[in-house]
Amino acid sequence: MIKKDLTTLSQVMNQLRDKGKDCEFKLADSGLGLINAGNGKLYSISDLRIIRTYRFEGDSNPSDSSILYLIEANDGQVGYVLDAYGAYSGYDDDQFDKLIREIPVAEK
């Protein structure tokens, strides 16, 4: 079997959906964890680990640059956090960056 490279965000998102790993996690209002957008469950940093990171860079426009973190919770829930780089980030302060840096990385 030939492994096909995934080069676009939409290709990765489609593959995650096909595998049932398309739950979105969002930064909690408290900034102390991530909320499962599907069921509202709050996960603290100690409940999570980053199992894969995907980076996408636009050919000519910095606003096309994004990063997708594939995250697994201690209850087996696998989902993602998606954000843009730098000034285009969906978060106004460094609270999100700080939280992401604190989640352990265990690439699978």
PDB file of N, CA and C in Angstrom:
ATOM      1  N   MET A   1       0.837  -1.173   0.000  1.00  0.00           N
ATOM      2  CA  MET A   1       0.000   0.000   0.000  1.00  0.00           C
ATOM      3  C   MET A   1       0.887   1.243   0.000  1.00  0.00           C
ATOM      4  N   ILE A   2       0.561   2.197  -0.804  1.00  0.00           N
ATOM      5  CA  ILE A   2       1.326   3.433  -0.894  1.00  0.00           C
ATOM      6  C   ILE A   2       0.727   4.443   0.073  1.00  0.00           C
ATOM      7  N   LYS A   3       1.569   5.030   0.888  1.00  0.00           N
ATOM      8  CA  LYS A   3       1.113   6.049   1.813  1.00  0.00           C
ATOM      9  C   LYS A   3       1.040   7.377   1.084  1.00  0.00           C
ATOM     10  N   LYS A   4      -0.097   8.043   1.176  1.00  0.00           N
ATOM     11  CA  LYS A   4      -0.311   9.312   0.494  1.00  0.00           C
ATOM     12  C   LYS A   4      -0.052  10.454   1.475  1.00  0.00           C
ATOM     13  N   ASP A   5       0.736  11.429   1.058  1.00  0.00           N
ATOM     14  CA  ASP A   5       1.002  12.582   1.914  1.00  0.00           C
ATOM     15  C   ASP A   5      -0.227  13.478   1.988  1.00  0.00           C
ATOM     16  N   LEU A   6      -0.493  13.951   3.180  1.00  0.00           N
ATOM     17  CA  LEU A   6      -1.575  14.906   3.376  1.00  0.00           C
ATOM     18  C   LEU A   6      -0.956  16.290   3.358  1.00  0.00           C
ATOM     19  N   THR A   7      -1.392  17.112   2.441  1.00  0.00           N
ATOM     20  CA  THR A   7      -0.733  18.397   2.284  1.00  0.00           C
ATOM     21  C   THR A   7      -1.607  19.586   2.655  1.00  0.00           C
ATOM     22  N   THR A   8      -2.894  19.379   2.787  1.00  0.00           N
ATOM     23  CA  THR A   8      -3.757  20.512   3.094  1.00  0.00           C
ATOM     24  C   THR A   8      -4.528  20.264   4.383  1.00  0.00           C
ATOM     25  N   LEU A   9      -4.949  21.352   4.980  1.00  0.00           N
ATOM     26  CA  LEU A   9      -5.746  21.268   6.195  1.00  0.00           C
ATOM     27  C   LEU A   9      -7.042  20.500   5.935  1.00  0.00           C
ATOM     28  N   SER A  10      -7.682  20.755   4.816  1.00  0.00           N
ATOM     29  CA  SER A  10      -8.945  20.061   4.535  1.00  0.00           C
ATOM     30  C   SER A  10      -8.737  18.552   4.386  1.00  0.00           C
ATOM     31  N   GLN A  11      -7.613  18.116   3.822  1.00  0.00           N
ATOM     32  CA  GLN A  11      -7.335  16.683   3.714  1.00  0.00           C
ATOM     33  C   GLN A  11      -7.192  16.057   5.100  1.00  0.00           C
ATOM     34  N   VAL A  12      -6.474  16.721   5.972  1.00  0.00           N
ATOM     35  CA  VAL A  12      -6.281  16.202   7.335  1.00  0.00           C
ATOM     36  C   VAL A  12      -7.609  16.187   8.081  1.00  0.00           C
ATOM     37  N   MET A  13      -8.391  17.262   7.967  1.00  0.00           N
ATOM     38  CA  MET A  13      -9.682  17.323   8.653  1.00  0.00           C
ATOM     39  C   MET A  13     -10.618  16.221   8.151  1.00  0.00           C
ATOM     40  N   ASN A  14     -10.624  15.959   6.860  1.00  0.00           N
ATOM     41  CA  ASN A  14     -11.454  14.890   6.309  1.00  0.00           C
ATOM     42  C   ASN A  14     -11.025  13.527   6.843  1.00  0.00           C
ATOM     43  N   GLN A  15      -9.717  13.308   6.915  1.00  0.00           N
ATOM     44  CA  GLN A  15      -9.217  12.040   7.430  1.00  0.00           C
ATOM     45  C   GLN A  15      -9.581  11.868   8.909  1.00  0.00           C
ATOM     46  N   LEU A  16      -9.464  12.934   9.688  1.00  0.00           N
ATOM     47  CA  LEU A  16      -9.845  12.857  11.099  1.00  0.00           C
ATOM     48  C   LEU A  16     -11.330  12.548  11.240  1.00  0.00           C
ATOM     49  N   ARG A  17     -12.157  13.187  10.423  1.00  0.00           N
ATOM     50  CA  ARG A  17     -13.595  12.915  10.453  1.00  0.00           C
ATOM     51  C   ARG A  17     -13.879  11.453  10.124  1.00  0.00           C
ATOM     52  N   ASP A  18     -13.217  10.940   9.091  1.00  0.00           N
ATOM     53  CA  ASP A  18     -13.416   9.545   8.687  1.00  0.00           C
ATOM     54  C   ASP A  18     -13.025   8.565   9.796  1.00  0.00           C
ATOM     55  N   LYS A  19     -12.073   8.948  10.627  1.00  0.00           N
ATOM     56  CA  LYS A  19     -11.612   8.088  11.722  1.00  0.00           C
ATOM     57  C   LYS A  19     -12.341   8.371  13.036  1.00  0.00           C
ATOM     58  N   GLY A  20     -13.310   9.298  13.008  1.00  0.00           N
ATOM     59  CA  GLY A  20     -14.057   9.622  14.218  1.00  0.00           C
ATOM     60  C   GLY A  20     -13.268  10.425  15.223  1.00  0.00           C
ATOM     61  N   LYS A  21     -12.270  11.154  14.744  1.00  0.00           N
ATOM     62  CA  LYS A  21     -11.421  11.961  15.631  1.00  0.00           C
ATOM     63  C   LYS A  21     -11.616  13.447  15.340  1.00  0.00           C
ATOM     64  N   ASP A  22     -12.863  13.828  15.106  1.00  0.00           N
ATOM     65  CA  ASP A  22     -13.131  15.200  14.686  1.00  0.00           C
ATOM     66  C   ASP A  22     -13.807  16.039  15.765  1.00  0.00           C
ATOM     67  N   CYS A  23     -13.615  15.657  17.003  1.00  0.00           N
ATOM     68  CA  CYS A  23     -14.131  16.439  18.120  1.00  0.00           C
ATOM     69  C   CYS A  23     -13.235  17.668  18.298  1.00  0.00           C
ATOM     70  N   GLU A  24     -13.828  18.826  18.364  1.00  0.00           N
ATOM     71  CA  GLU A  24     -13.023  20.038  18.552  1.00  0.00           C
ATOM     72  C   GLU A  24     -12.920  20.363  20.038  1.00  0.00           C
ATOM     73  N   PHE A  25     -11.702  20.657  20.460  1.00  0.00           N
ATOM     74  CA  PHE A  25     -11.458  21.164  21.798  1.00  0.00           C
ATOM     75  C   PHE A  25     -11.252  22.667  21.696  1.00  0.00           C
ATOM     76  N   LYS A  26     -11.785  23.399  22.657  1.00  0.00           N
ATOM     77  CA  LYS A  26     -11.633  24.856  22.686  1.00  0.00           C
ATOM     78  C   LYS A  26     -11.109  25.275  24.050  1.00  0.00           C
ATOM     79  N   LEU A  27     -10.437  26.405  24.069  1.00  0.00           N
ATOM     80  CA  LEU A  27      -9.919  26.943  25.327  1.00  0.00           C
ATOM     81  C   LEU A  27     -11.072  27.275  26.259  1.00  0.00           C
ATOM     82  N   ALA A  28     -10.996  26.795  27.493  1.00  0.00           N
ATOM     83  CA  ALA A  28     -12.027  27.085  28.491  1.00  0.00           C
ATOM     84  C   ALA A  28     -11.974  28.558  28.879  1.00  0.00           C
ATOM     85  N   ASP A  29     -13.107  29.099  29.265  1.00  0.00           N
ATOM     86  CA  ASP A  29     -13.161  30.506  29.678  1.00  0.00           C
ATOM     87  C   ASP A  29     -12.172  30.807  30.796  1.00  0.00           C
ATOM     88  N   SER A  30     -11.947  29.826  31.657  1.00  0.00           N
ATOM     89  CA  SER A  30     -11.009  30.009  32.762  1.00  0.00           C
ATOM     90  C   SER A  30      -9.561  30.005  32.277  1.00  0.00           C
ATOM     91  N   GLY A  31      -9.333  29.464  31.067  1.00  0.00           N
ATOM     92  CA  GLY A  31      -7.982  29.364  30.541  1.00  0.00           C
ATOM     93  C   GLY A  31      -7.177  28.240  31.149  1.00  0.00           C
ATOM     94  N   LEU A  32      -7.807  27.438  31.990  1.00  0.00           N
ATOM     95  CA  LEU A  32      -7.078  26.392  32.700  1.00  0.00           C
ATOM     96  C   LEU A  32      -7.208  25.018  32.060  1.00  0.00           C
ATOM     97  N   GLY A  33      -7.855  24.942  30.926  1.00  0.00           N
ATOM     98  CA  GLY A  33      -8.019  23.666  30.266  1.00  0.00           C
ATOM     99  C   GLY A  33      -8.740  23.815  28.949  1.00  0.00           C
ATOM    100  N   LEU A  34      -9.128  22.679  28.383  1.00  0.00           N
ATOM    101  CA  LEU A  34      -9.840  22.656  27.118  1.00  0.00           C
ATOM    102  C   LEU A  34     -11.211  22.046  27.326  1.00  0.00           C
ATOM    103  N   ILE A  35     -12.172  22.559  26.586  1.00  0.00           N
ATOM    104  CA  ILE A  35     -13.539  22.050  26.634  1.00  0.00           C
ATOM    105  C   ILE A  35     -13.815  21.274  25.357  1.00  0.00           C
ATOM    106  N   ASN A  36     -14.429  20.101  25.497  1.00  0.00           N
ATOM    107  CA  ASN A  36     -14.896  19.324  24.360  1.00  0.00           C
ATOM    108  C   ASN A  36     -16.109  20.061  23.807  1.00  0.00           C
ATOM    109  N   ALA A  37     -15.991  20.588  22.593  1.00  0.00           N
ATOM    110  CA  ALA A  37     -17.068  21.379  22.007  1.00  0.00           C
ATOM    111  C   ALA A  37     -18.323  20.548  21.782  1.00  0.00           C
ATOM    112  N   GLY A  38     -18.181  19.224  21.691  1.00  0.00           N
ATOM    113  CA  GLY A  38     -19.327  18.360  21.444  1.00  0.00           C
ATOM    114  C   GLY A  38     -20.191  18.109  22.668  1.00  0.00           C
ATOM    115  N   ASN A  39     -19.537  17.892  23.830  1.00  0.00           N
ATOM    116  CA  ASN A  39     -20.327  17.549  25.019  1.00  0.00           C
ATOM    117  C   ASN A  39     -20.100  18.488  26.204  1.00  0.00           C
ATOM    118  N   GLY A  40     -19.244  19.478  26.046  1.00  0.00           N
ATOM    119  CA  GLY A  40     -19.026  20.472  27.096  1.00  0.00           C
ATOM    120  C   GLY A  40     -18.146  20.015  28.240  1.00  0.00           C
ATOM    121  N   LYS A  41     -17.555  18.819  28.138  1.00  0.00           N
ATOM    122  CA  LYS A  41     -16.695  18.319  29.216  1.00  0.00           C
ATOM    123  C   LYS A  41     -15.404  19.118  29.274  1.00  0.00           C
ATOM    124  N   LEU A  42     -15.006  19.507  30.470  1.00  0.00           N
ATOM    125  CA  LEU A  42     -13.784  20.266  30.685  1.00  0.00           C
ATOM    126  C   LEU A  42     -12.644  19.324  31.035  1.00  0.00           C
ATOM    127  N   TYR A  43     -11.524  19.495  30.347  1.00  0.00           N
ATOM    128  CA  TYR A  43     -10.317  18.713  30.616  1.00  0.00           C
ATOM    129  C   TYR A  43      -9.225  19.645  31.110  1.00  0.00           C
ATOM    130  N   SER A  44      -8.560  19.260  32.174  1.00  0.00           N
ATOM    131  CA  SER A  44      -7.408  20.029  32.654  1.00  0.00           C
ATOM    132  C   SER A  44      -6.175  19.595  31.867  1.00  0.00           C
ATOM    133  N   ILE A  45      -5.119  20.331  32.004  1.00  0.00           N
ATOM    134  CA  ILE A  45      -3.877  20.033  31.289  1.00  0.00           C
ATOM    135  C   ILE A  45      -3.396  18.623  31.606  1.00  0.00           C
ATOM    136  N   SER A  46      -3.537  18.205  32.843  1.00  0.00           N
ATOM    137  CA  SER A  46      -3.066  16.868  33.230  1.00  0.00           C
ATOM    138  C   SER A  46      -3.895  15.745  32.613  1.00  0.00           C
ATOM    139  N   ASP A  47      -5.068  16.067  32.073  1.00  0.00           N
ATOM    140  CA  ASP A  47      -5.927  15.071  31.421  1.00  0.00           C
ATOM    141  C   ASP A  47      -5.596  14.883  29.947  1.00  0.00           C
ATOM    142  N   LEU A  48      -4.695  15.681  29.403  1.00  0.00           N
ATOM    143  CA  LEU A  48      -4.488  15.755  27.958  1.00  0.00           C
ATOM    144  C   LEU A  48      -3.055  15.443  27.554  1.00  0.00           C
ATOM    145  N   ARG A  49      -2.908  15.028  26.307  1.00  0.00           N
ATOM    146  CA  ARG A  49      -1.578  14.926  25.702  1.00  0.00           C
ATOM    147  C   ARG A  49      -1.718  15.158  24.199  1.00  0.00           C
ATOM    148  N   ILE A  50      -0.747  15.827  23.647  1.00  0.00           N
ATOM    149  CA  ILE A  50      -0.712  16.084  22.209  1.00  0.00           C
ATOM    150  C   ILE A  50      -0.098  14.856  21.550  1.00  0.00           C
ATOM    151  N   ILE A  51      -0.852  14.241  20.622  1.00  0.00           N
ATOM    152  CA  ILE A  51      -0.356  13.028  19.981  1.00  0.00           C
ATOM    153  C   ILE A  51       0.092  13.260  18.543  1.00  0.00           C
ATOM    154  N   ARG A  52      -0.200  14.422  17.999  1.00  0.00           N
ATOM    155  CA  ARG A  52       0.267  14.749  16.641  1.00  0.00           C
ATOM    156  C   ARG A  52       0.110  16.233  16.414  1.00  0.00           C
ATOM    157  N   THR A  53       1.040  16.811  15.681  1.00  0.00           N
ATOM    158  CA  THR A  53       0.972  18.228  15.324  1.00  0.00           C
ATOM    159  C   THR A  53       1.099  18.353  13.821  1.00  0.00           C
ATOM    160  N   TYR A  54       0.196  19.102  13.230  1.00  0.00           N
ATOM    161  CA  TYR A  54       0.230  19.374  11.793  1.00  0.00           C
ATOM    162  C   TYR A  54       0.408  20.879  11.606  1.00  0.00           C
ATOM    163  N   ARG A  55       1.331  21.254  10.751  1.00  0.00           N
ATOM    164  CA  ARG A  55       1.541  22.670  10.435  1.00  0.00           C
ATOM    165  C   ARG A  55       1.266  22.892   8.960  1.00  0.00           C
ATOM    166  N   PHE A  56       0.564  23.977   8.682  1.00  0.00           N
ATOM    167  CA  PHE A  56       0.218  24.306   7.300  1.00  0.00           C
ATOM    168  C   PHE A  56       0.655  25.737   7.036  1.00  0.00           C
ATOM    169  N   GLU A  57       1.365  25.936   5.934  1.00  0.00           N
ATOM    170  CA  GLU A  57       1.839  27.271   5.586  1.00  0.00           C
ATOM    171  C   GLU A  57       1.365  27.616   4.190  1.00  0.00           C
ATOM    172  N   GLY A  58       0.754  28.796   4.067  1.00  0.00           N
ATOM    173  CA  GLY A  58       0.295  29.261   2.772  1.00  0.00           C
ATOM    174  C   GLY A  58       1.466  29.629   1.885  1.00  0.00           C
ATOM    175  N   ASP A  59       1.288  29.491   0.589  1.00  0.00           N
ATOM    176  CA  ASP A  59       2.364  29.803  -0.357  1.00  0.00           C
ATOM    177  C   ASP A  59       2.729  31.275  -0.373  1.00  0.00           C
ATOM    178  N   SER A  60       1.739  32.145  -0.263  1.00  0.00           N
ATOM    179  CA  SER A  60       2.044  33.558  -0.436  1.00  0.00           C
ATOM    180  C   SER A  60       1.436  34.465   0.628  1.00  0.00           C
ATOM    181  N   ASN A  61       0.573  33.933   1.473  1.00  0.00           N
ATOM    182  CA  ASN A  61      -0.130  34.784   2.412  1.00  0.00           C
ATOM    183  C   ASN A  61       0.036  34.246   3.830  1.00  0.00           C
ATOM    184  N   PRO A  62       0.622  35.026   4.733  1.00  0.00           N
ATOM    185  CA  PRO A  62       0.814  34.554   6.104  1.00  0.00           C
ATOM    186  C   PRO A  62      -0.498  34.192   6.804  1.00  0.00           C
ATOM    187  N   SER A  63      -1.598  34.766   6.366  1.00  0.00           N
ATOM    188  CA  SER A  63      -2.873  34.448   7.008  1.00  0.00           C
ATOM    189  C   SER A  63      -3.328  33.028   6.689  1.00  0.00           C
ATOM    190  N   ASP A  64      -2.660  32.368   5.737  1.00  0.00           N
ATOM    191  CA  ASP A  64      -2.977  30.986   5.401  1.00  0.00           C
ATOM    192  C   ASP A  64      -2.249  29.991   6.297  1.00  0.00           C
ATOM    193  N   SER A  65      -1.424  30.456   7.202  1.00  0.00           N
ATOM    194  CA  SER A  65      -0.638  29.571   8.058  1.00  0.00           C
ATOM    195  C   SER A  65      -1.441  29.172   9.282  1.00  0.00           C
ATOM    196  N   SER A  66      -1.504  27.862   9.531  1.00  0.00           N
ATOM    197  CA  SER A  66      -2.257  27.380  10.676  1.00  0.00           C
ATOM    198  C   SER A  66      -1.573  26.155  11.269  1.00  0.00           C
ATOM    199  N   ILE A  67      -2.027  25.800  12.457  1.00  0.00           N
ATOM    200  CA  ILE A  67      -1.501  24.643  13.151  1.00  0.00           C
ATOM    201  C   ILE A  67      -2.672  23.865  13.750  1.00  0.00           C
ATOM    202  N   LEU A  68      -2.600  22.552  13.643  1.00  0.00           N
ATOM    203  CA  LEU A  68      -3.633  21.682  14.180  1.00  0.00           C
ATOM    204  C   LEU A  68      -2.959  20.715  15.141  1.00  0.00           C
ATOM    205  N   TYR A  69      -3.432  20.715  16.375  1.00  0.00           N
ATOM    206  CA  TYR A  69      -2.923  19.793  17.388  1.00  0.00           C
ATOM    207  C   TYR A  69      -3.942  18.672  17.534  1.00  0.00           C
ATOM    208  N   LEU A  70      -3.513  17.430  17.361  1.00  0.00           N
ATOM    209  CA  LEU A  70      -4.364  16.280  17.623  1.00  0.00           C
ATOM    210  C   LEU A  70      -4.132  15.907  19.083  1.00  0.00           C
ATOM    211  N   ILE A  71      -5.200  15.887  19.855  1.00  0.00           N
ATOM    212  CA  ILE A  71      -5.102  15.742  21.305  1.00  0.00           C
ATOM    213  C   ILE A  71      -5.901  14.540  21.771  1.00  0.00           C
ATOM    214  N   GLU A  72      -5.313  13.797  22.710  1.00  0.00           N
ATOM    215  CA  GLU A  72      -6.007  12.672  23.325  1.00  0.00           C
ATOM    216  C   GLU A  72      -6.205  12.968  24.803  1.00  0.00           C
ATOM    217  N   ALA A  73      -7.431  12.760  25.268  1.00  0.00           N
ATOM    218  CA  ALA A  73      -7.737  12.950  26.685  1.00  0.00           C
ATOM    219  C   ALA A  73      -7.589  11.622  27.423  1.00  0.00           C
ATOM    220  N   ASN A  74      -7.481  11.698  28.734  1.00  0.00           N
ATOM    221  CA  ASN A  74      -7.280  10.484  29.533  1.00  0.00           C
ATOM    222  C   ASN A  74      -8.473   9.536  29.503  1.00  0.00           C
ATOM    223  N   ASP A  75      -9.632   9.988  29.010  1.00  0.00           N
ATOM    224  CA  ASP A  75     -10.794   9.103  28.885  1.00  0.00           C
ATOM    225  C   ASP A  75     -10.902   8.490  27.486  1.00  0.00           C
ATOM    226  N   GLY A  76      -9.867   8.691  26.659  1.00  0.00           N
ATOM    227  CA  GLY A  76      -9.838   8.114  25.325  1.00  0.00           C
ATOM    228  C   GLY A  76     -10.378   9.013  24.227  1.00  0.00           C
ATOM    229  N   GLN A  77     -10.995  10.122  24.589  1.00  0.00           N
ATOM    230  CA  GLN A  77     -11.516  11.055  23.582  1.00  0.00           C
ATOM    231  C   GLN A  77     -10.353  11.650  22.790  1.00  0.00           C
ATOM    232  N   VAL A  78     -10.436  11.589  21.465  1.00  0.00           N
ATOM    233  CA  VAL A  78      -9.415  12.175  20.604  1.00  0.00           C
ATOM    234  C   VAL A  78     -10.070  13.265  19.769  1.00  0.00           C
ATOM    235  N   GLY A  79      -9.439  14.396  19.738  1.00  0.00           N
ATOM    236  CA  GLY A  79      -9.955  15.520  18.977  1.00  0.00           C
ATOM    237  C   GLY A  79      -8.835  16.453  18.605  1.00  0.00           C
ATOM    238  N   TYR A  80      -9.187  17.661  18.252  1.00  0.00           N
ATOM    239  CA  TYR A  80      -8.186  18.593  17.751  1.00  0.00           C
ATOM    240  C   TYR A  80      -8.407  20.000  18.289  1.00  0.00           C
ATOM    241  N   VAL A  81      -7.350  20.770  18.211  1.00  0.00           N
ATOM    242  CA  VAL A  81      -7.384  22.213  18.420  1.00  0.00           C
ATOM    243  C   VAL A  81      -6.748  22.812  17.182  1.00  0.00           C
ATOM    244  N   LEU A  82      -7.417  23.777  16.592  1.00  0.00           N
ATOM    245  CA  LEU A  82      -6.937  24.427  15.380  1.00  0.00           C
ATOM    246  C   LEU A  82      -6.752  25.904  15.650  1.00  0.00           C
ATOM    247  N   ASP A  83      -5.629  26.443  15.210  1.00  0.00           N
ATOM    248  CA  ASP A  83      -5.376  27.872  15.371  1.00  0.00           C
ATOM    249  C   ASP A  83      -4.481  28.350  14.246  1.00  0.00           C
ATOM    250  N   ALA A  84      -4.458  29.651  14.066  1.00  0.00           N
ATOM    251  CA  ALA A  84      -3.574  30.288  13.089  1.00  0.00           C
ATOM    252  C   ALA A  84      -2.322  30.764  13.818  1.00  0.00           C
ATOM    253  N   TYR A  85      -1.303  31.083  13.051  1.00  0.00           N
ATOM    254  CA  TYR A  85      -0.052  31.571  13.630  1.00  0.00           C
ATOM    255  C   TYR A  85      -0.114  33.065  13.938  1.00  0.00           C
ATOM    256  N   GLY A  86       0.632  33.469  14.971  1.00  0.00           N
ATOM    257  CA  GLY A  86       0.916  34.868  15.254  1.00  0.00           C
ATOM    258  C   GLY A  86      -0.275  35.795  15.327  1.00  0.00           C
ATOM    259  N   ALA A  87      -0.195  36.891  14.597  1.00  0.00           N
ATOM    260  CA  ALA A  87      -1.223  37.929  14.644  1.00  0.00           C
ATOM    261  C   ALA A  87      -2.580  37.425  14.182  1.00  0.00           C
ATOM    262  N   TYR A  88      -2.603  36.320  13.474  1.00  0.00           N
ATOM    263  CA  TYR A  88      -3.856  35.776  12.953  1.00  0.00           C
ATOM    264  C   TYR A  88      -4.498  34.766  13.898  1.00  0.00           C
ATOM    265  N   SER A  89      -3.886  34.567  15.054  1.00  0.00           N
ATOM    266  CA  SER A  89      -4.403  33.622  16.032  1.00  0.00           C
ATOM    267  C   SER A  89      -5.835  33.982  16.424  1.00  0.00           C
ATOM    268  N   GLY A  90      -6.612  32.968  16.734  1.00  0.00           N
ATOM    269  CA  GLY A  90      -7.982  33.186  17.181  1.00  0.00           C
ATOM    270  C   GLY A  90      -8.075  33.588  18.640  1.00  0.00           C
ATOM    271  N   TYR A  91      -6.934  33.684  19.308  1.00  0.00           N
ATOM    272  CA  TYR A  91      -6.897  34.036  20.724  1.00  0.00           C
ATOM    273  C   TYR A  91      -6.152  35.351  20.893  1.00  0.00           C
ATOM    274  N   ASP A  92      -6.726  36.253  21.708  1.00  0.00           N
ATOM    275  CA  ASP A  92      -6.187  37.601  21.833  1.00  0.00           C
ATOM    276  C   ASP A  92      -4.931  37.713  22.679  1.00  0.00           C
ATOM    277  N   ASP A  93      -4.732  36.809  23.598  1.00  0.00           N
ATOM    278  CA  ASP A  93      -3.560  36.925  24.460  1.00  0.00           C
ATOM    279  C   ASP A  93      -2.743  35.640  24.408  1.00  0.00           C
ATOM    280  N   ASP A  94      -1.736  35.544  25.251  1.00  0.00           N
ATOM    281  CA  ASP A  94      -0.865  34.372  25.217  1.00  0.00           C
ATOM    282  C   ASP A  94      -1.365  33.222  26.086  1.00  0.00           C
ATOM    283  N   GLN A  95      -2.578  33.321  26.606  1.00  0.00           N
ATOM    284  CA  GLN A  95      -3.140  32.286  27.463  1.00  0.00           C
ATOM    285  C   GLN A  95      -3.217  30.937  26.734  1.00  0.00           C
ATOM    286  N   PHE A  96      -3.658  30.943  25.483  1.00  0.00           N
ATOM    287  CA  PHE A  96      -3.748  29.715  24.699  1.00  0.00           C
ATOM    288  C   PHE A  96      -2.368  29.123  24.465  1.00  0.00           C
ATOM    289  N   ASP A  97      -1.410  29.955  24.060  1.00  0.00           N
ATOM    290  CA  ASP A  97      -0.051  29.470  23.810  1.00  0.00           C
ATOM    291  C   ASP A  97       0.547  28.844  25.060  1.00  0.00           C
ATOM    292  N   LYS A  98       0.333  29.482  26.191  1.00  0.00           N
ATOM    293  CA  LYS A  98       0.851  28.964  27.463  1.00  0.00           C
ATOM    294  C   LYS A  98       0.234  27.595  27.767  1.00  0.00           C
ATOM    295  N   LEU A  99      -1.067  27.472  27.576  1.00  0.00           N
ATOM    296  CA  LEU A  99      -1.740  26.205  27.848  1.00  0.00           C
ATOM    297  C   LEU A  99      -1.220  25.109  26.927  1.00  0.00           C
ATOM    298  N   ILE A 100      -1.102  25.377  25.642  1.00  0.00           N
ATOM    299  CA  ILE A 100      -0.631  24.376  24.684  1.00  0.00           C
ATOM    300  C   ILE A 100       0.780  23.917  25.036  1.00  0.00           C
ATOM    301  N   ARG A 101       1.646  24.847  25.438  1.00  0.00           N
ATOM    302  CA  ARG A 101       3.009  24.481  25.814  1.00  0.00           C
ATOM    303  C   ARG A 101       3.061  23.589  27.042  1.00  0.00           C
ATOM    304  N   GLU A 102       2.055  23.663  27.894  1.00  0.00           N
ATOM    305  CA  GLU A 102       2.029  22.867  29.127  1.00  0.00           C
ATOM    306  C   GLU A 102       1.479  21.462  28.917  1.00  0.00           C
ATOM    307  N   ILE A 103       0.780  21.227  27.807  1.00  0.00           N
ATOM    308  CA  ILE A 103       0.248  19.885  27.549  1.00  0.00           C
ATOM    309  C   ILE A 103       1.398  18.991  27.105  1.00  0.00           C
ATOM    310  N   PRO A 104       1.561  17.833  27.737  1.00  0.00           N
ATOM    311  CA  PRO A 104       2.648  16.928  27.339  1.00  0.00           C
ATOM    312  C   PRO A 104       2.479  16.452  25.895  1.00  0.00           C
ATOM    313  N   VAL A 105       3.607  16.228  25.244  1.00  0.00           N
ATOM    314  CA  VAL A 105       3.603  15.737  23.867  1.00  0.00           C
ATOM    315  C   VAL A 105       4.031  14.278  23.878  1.00  0.00           C
ATOM    316  N   ALA A 106       3.218  13.431  23.268  1.00  0.00           N
ATOM    317  CA  ALA A 106       3.523  12.003  23.146  1.00  0.00           C
ATOM    318  C   ALA A 106       3.114  11.588  21.748  1.00  0.00           C
ATOM    319  N   GLU A 107       3.895  12.022  20.755  1.00  0.00           N
ATOM    320  CA  GLU A 107       3.547  11.776  19.351  1.00  0.00           C
ATOM    321  C   GLU A 107       3.380  10.286  19.089  1.00  0.00           C
ATOM    322  N   LYS A 108       2.289   9.937  18.430  1.00  0.00           N
ATOM    323  CA  LYS A 108       2.001   8.547  18.058  1.00  0.00           C
ATOM    324  C   LYS A 108       2.271   8.369  16.580  1.00  0.00           C
TER     325      LYS A 108
END
